[in-house]
């Protein structure tokens, strides 16, 4: 039981120390920011912070819903029936990296 208490105390102390150092760092940054008069530099800092704090809602091409995938497949089949596709050779000529 003593080991668990010691571990819990150590863990909570580390957590408090981490939070305190984070808080101290934030306060230090605020203090430094108040001393900067260069508007361009302040805008760059603001942009950098915004890039790291905003939630990114970027969707990668492979992240599609089932309905989206079905729609793409349906469109591909229709284009293929109309002869709008290209052969592998044509693709390789157009895009040499597709080998």
Protein backbone atom coordinates (compact mmCIF):
# COMPACT_ATOMS: atom_id res chain seq x y z
CA UNK A 1 0.00 0.00 0.00
CA UNK A 2 2.87 2.35 0.78
CA UNK A 3 4.28 1.89 -2.74
CA UNK A 4 0.97 2.92 -4.29
CA UNK A 5 0.78 6.03 -2.10
CA UNK A 6 4.36 7.00 -2.96
CA UNK A 7 3.72 6.45 -6.66
CA UNK A 8 0.54 8.52 -6.53
CA UNK A 9 2.33 11.31 -4.69
CA UNK A 10 5.21 11.25 -7.19
CA UNK A 11 2.80 11.24 -10.15
CA UNK A 12 0.74 14.15 -8.78
CA UNK A 13 3.91 16.11 -7.98
CA UNK A 14 5.18 15.60 -11.54
CA UNK A 15 1.82 16.67 -12.90
CA UNK A 16 1.82 19.84 -10.79
CA UNK A 17 5.43 20.59 -11.76
CA UNK A 18 4.62 20.10 -15.43
CA UNK A 19 1.60 22.39 -15.20
CA UNK A 20 3.59 24.97 -13.29
CA UNK A 21 6.38 24.94 -15.84
CA UNK A 22 3.80 25.27 -18.63
CA UNK A 23 2.19 28.16 -16.82
CA UNK A 24 5.56 29.77 -16.21
CA UNK A 25 6.44 29.38 -19.88
CA UNK A 26 3.16 30.99 -20.96
CA UNK A 27 3.72 33.90 -18.59
CA UNK A 28 7.25 34.32 -19.90
CA UNK A 29 5.99 34.40 -23.47
CA UNK A 30 3.34 36.98 -22.60
CA UNK A 31 5.97 39.11 -20.92
CA UNK A 32 8.23 38.90 -23.98
CA UNK A 33 5.35 39.67 -26.35
CA UNK A 34 4.55 42.88 -24.49
CA UNK A 35 8.06 44.11 -25.25
CA UNK A 36 7.80 43.60 -29.04
CA UNK A 37 6.84 46.66 -31.10
CA UNK A 38 7.45 45.15 -34.55
CA UNK A 39 3.98 44.64 -36.05
CA UNK A 40 5.25 42.27 -38.76
CA UNK A 41 6.91 40.06 -36.18
CA UNK A 42 3.77 40.05 -34.03
CA UNK A 43 1.67 39.06 -37.05
CA UNK A 44 4.08 36.20 -37.84
CA UNK A 45 3.91 34.98 -34.24
CA UNK A 46 0.11 35.18 -34.27
CA UNK A 47 -0.04 33.24 -37.54
CA UNK A 48 2.30 30.56 -36.18
CA UNK A 49 0.23 30.16 -33.03
CA UNK A 50 -3.00 30.04 -35.04
CA UNK A 51 -1.62 27.30 -37.28
CA UNK A 52 -0.89 25.14 -34.25
CA UNK A 53 -4.05 25.80 -32.29
CA UNK A 54 -6.76 25.69 -34.94
CA UNK A 55 -8.35 22.33 -35.53
CA UNK A 56 -7.50 21.02 -38.93
CA UNK A 57 -10.46 19.71 -40.86
CA UNK A 58 -8.41 18.76 -43.89
CA UNK A 59 -9.63 15.60 -45.56
CA UNK A 60 -7.20 13.40 -47.38
CA UNK A 61 -8.27 11.86 -50.71
CA UNK A 62 -8.57 8.35 -49.30
CA UNK A 63 -10.97 9.47 -46.57
CA UNK A 64 -14.33 9.14 -48.28
CA UNK A 65 -17.67 7.93 -47.06
CA UNK A 66 -19.10 4.76 -48.57
CA UNK A 67 -21.59 6.88 -50.53
CA UNK A 68 -18.78 9.04 -51.94
CA UNK A 69 -16.84 5.93 -52.98
CA UNK A 70 -19.94 4.47 -54.67
CA UNK A 71 -20.47 7.75 -56.54
CA UNK A 72 -16.84 7.84 -57.74
CA UNK A 73 -17.07 4.20 -58.86
CA UNK A 74 -20.36 4.84 -60.68
CA UNK A 75 -18.85 7.86 -62.46
CA UNK A 76 -15.74 5.84 -63.42
CA UNK A 77 -17.83 3.04 -64.89
CA UNK A 78 -19.89 5.53 -66.92
CA UNK A 79 -16.74 7.26 -68.21
CA UNK A 80 -15.23 3.90 -69.12
CA UNK A 81 -18.34 2.93 -71.09
CA UNK A 82 -18.07 6.24 -72.97
CA UNK A 83 -14.42 5.55 -73.80
CA UNK A 84 -13.15 8.48 -71.73
CA UNK A 85 -10.44 6.49 -69.95
CA UNK A 86 -6.84 5.95 -70.99
CA UNK A 87 -4.60 2.94 -71.33
CA UNK A 88 -1.74 2.22 -68.97
CA UNK A 89 0.71 3.16 -71.73
CA UNK A 90 -1.01 6.54 -72.23
CA UNK A 91 -0.89 7.16 -68.49
CA UNK A 92 2.83 6.35 -68.33
CA UNK A 93 3.56 8.68 -71.26
CA UNK A 94 1.65 11.50 -69.60
CA UNK A 95 3.02 10.82 -66.09
CA UNK A 96 6.46 9.16 -66.23
CA UNK A 97 6.44 8.55 -62.46
CA UNK A 98 3.58 6.04 -62.84
CA UNK A 99 5.89 3.16 -63.81
